[in-house]
Structure formats: C-alpha cells, structure tokens
Protein backbone atom coordinates (compact mmCIF):
# COMPACT_ATOMS: atom_id res chain seq x y z
CA MET A 1 -46.14 3.23 -87.91
CA SER A 2 -49.73 4.59 -87.57
CA TRP A 3 -51.70 4.12 -84.51
CA THR A 4 -54.88 2.66 -86.85
CA ARG A 5 -52.65 0.21 -88.40
CA ASN A 6 -51.43 -1.10 -85.21
CA ALA A 7 -54.97 -0.96 -83.57
CA ALA A 8 -56.57 -2.85 -86.45
CA THR A 9 -53.97 -5.59 -86.96
CA LEU A 10 -53.74 -6.13 -83.30
CA VAL A 11 -57.81 -6.41 -83.03
CA ARG A 12 -57.70 -8.60 -86.10
CA GLU A 13 -54.85 -10.91 -84.88
CA ALA A 14 -56.30 -10.95 -81.11
CA ARG A 15 -59.72 -11.87 -82.68
CA ALA A 16 -58.54 -14.75 -84.93
CA ARG A 17 -56.33 -16.46 -82.14
CA ALA A 18 -59.17 -16.32 -80.36
CA GLY A 19 -61.24 -17.66 -82.75
CA LEU A 20 -64.36 -15.34 -82.75
CA THR A 21 -66.07 -13.33 -85.81
CA GLN A 22 -66.30 -10.16 -85.49
CA ARG A 23 -69.81 -10.03 -84.26
CA GLU A 24 -69.01 -12.37 -81.13
CA LEU A 25 -66.05 -9.99 -80.30
CA ALA A 26 -68.36 -6.88 -80.60
CA ARG A 27 -70.94 -8.87 -78.27
CA ARG A 28 -68.30 -9.95 -75.59
CA SER A 29 -66.70 -6.40 -75.45
CA GLY A 30 -70.17 -4.40 -75.76
CA THR A 31 -69.74 -2.65 -78.78
CA ALA A 32 -71.27 -3.05 -82.30
CA GLN A 33 -69.97 -5.51 -84.89
CA SER A 34 -69.83 -2.01 -87.56
CA VAL A 35 -67.30 -0.52 -84.75
CA VAL A 36 -64.72 -4.04 -84.87
CA ALA A 37 -65.40 -4.14 -88.65
CA ARG A 38 -64.27 -0.06 -88.96
CA ILE A 39 -61.24 -0.87 -86.22
CA GLU A 40 -59.73 -3.72 -88.62
CA GLY A 41 -60.39 -2.30 -91.97
CA GLU A 42 -58.22 0.54 -90.74
CA GLN A 43 -61.56 3.12 -91.47
CA THR A 44 -61.28 4.72 -87.57
CA SER A 45 -58.58 4.61 -84.94
CA PRO A 46 -60.20 3.31 -81.32
CA GLY A 47 -58.95 4.87 -78.49
CA ALA A 48 -56.90 3.44 -75.86
CA ASP A 49 -60.21 2.28 -73.66
CA THR A 50 -61.78 0.82 -76.50
CA LEU A 51 -58.62 -1.24 -78.11
CA ALA A 52 -57.75 -2.60 -74.58
CA ARG A 53 -61.86 -3.77 -73.80
CA LEU A 54 -61.96 -5.12 -77.60
CA LEU A 55 -58.51 -7.01 -76.65
CA ALA A 56 -59.54 -7.95 -73.57
CA ALA A 57 -62.99 -9.88 -75.01
CA ALA A 58 -60.76 -11.77 -76.92
CA GLY A 59 -58.64 -12.98 -73.75
CA TRP A 60 -55.89 -10.64 -74.22
CA ASP A 61 -54.14 -7.69 -72.67
CA LEU A 62 -52.66 -4.91 -73.61
CA HIS A 63 -49.09 -3.21 -72.75
CA ALA A 64 -47.88 -0.45 -73.67
CA GLU A 65 -44.29 1.20 -73.17
CA LEU A 66 -42.48 3.90 -73.97
CA TRP A 67 -39.00 4.15 -76.07
CA PRO A 68 -36.90 6.97 -76.34
CA GLN A 69 -36.22 8.06 -79.49
CA PRO A 70 -33.09 8.54 -81.35
CA PRO A 71 -31.76 12.09 -81.69
CA ALA A 72 -32.33 13.93 -84.66
CA ASP A 73 -29.84 13.69 -86.97
CA THR A 74 -29.75 17.68 -86.37
CA HIS A 75 -26.69 20.02 -86.42
CA MET A 76 -27.15 21.28 -82.95
CA LEU A 77 -25.34 18.74 -81.28
CA ASP A 78 -22.60 19.16 -83.17
CA ASP A 79 -21.36 22.00 -80.75
CA VAL A 80 -21.55 19.41 -77.52
CA PRO A 81 -17.45 18.94 -77.56
CA ARG A 82 -16.82 22.56 -77.80
CA ILE A 83 -18.87 23.01 -74.70
CA LEU A 84 -17.60 20.30 -72.60
CA ALA A 85 -14.44 21.65 -73.40
CA LEU A 86 -14.99 25.12 -71.60
CA SER A 87 -14.33 25.69 -68.15
CA PRO A 88 -17.09 25.90 -65.57
CA GLU A 89 -16.83 29.84 -66.07
CA ASP A 90 -16.76 29.87 -69.82
CA ARG A 91 -20.06 28.36 -69.55
CA LEU A 92 -21.54 30.64 -67.46
CA ARG A 93 -20.60 33.12 -69.50
CA GLU A 94 -21.91 31.93 -72.94
CA VAL A 95 -25.18 30.86 -70.77
CA ALA A 96 -24.99 34.59 -69.64
CA ALA A 97 -24.25 35.80 -73.42
CA LEU A 98 -27.15 33.34 -74.77
CA ASP A 99 -29.85 34.80 -72.07
CA ARG A 100 -28.46 38.39 -73.31
CA PHE A 101 -29.13 37.31 -76.77
CA VAL A 102 -32.46 35.80 -76.16
CA ALA A 103 -33.61 38.62 -74.06
CA GLY A 104 -32.92 41.49 -76.98
CA ALA A 105 -34.78 39.04 -79.40
CA ARG A 106 -38.01 39.33 -77.61
CA ARG A 107 -37.71 43.02 -77.24
CA ALA A 108 -37.53 43.52 -81.19
C-alpha cells in the first residue's frame, strides 16, 4: 500500500465522517482547499505533520505504529540450523574465516 493512497483515503474519510467540505477542512486546518483536493485526488502526498493537522481539523487523531515485516524468502536463512548445531568454538572459527574472507575481498 502506498503512503499517498493511505493519506488520501484517511483525509477523505475523516472529512466525510466530520461532514465537512474540502473548503471547510482547509479553513479549519489553515491550508488551501486546493491542497486538500490534491491530497484526496492522490496527486500529492502530504507530510506526516500536514496529514496529522488535516485529520485533527476533522476531529481525528493520527496514530502510527511500526510492525515488523516477515523475513524475506531468502536462502540465507537455510544455513541457520547448521550454524546452531556448531559448537561455540566452531562458530568462532567460522566467524574468523568469514572475517579473513571479507578482509581479502576489500583488498582486491
């Protein structure tokens, strides 16, 4: 989902629920009606401050949360069981070998 689409939907829905026109929302938020129209029309994406101000003017608060994304489907995770089965000494040897490899690659 794009931020523009989310912002447009949020502003449009907040304004409609508050029973406001674009002009009324713009006046309450201290911005131009054309700005509200461009946001709702997905022609521009507001910054977080502008979005929060528009929603507040319609009587709504914006609450953002961070959610971790599931790990990408990658072959890199395939090696985890093998590494976990190693002894601590063997893990250190692997890290040392990787460190030597990276150092050599940097010189090349």
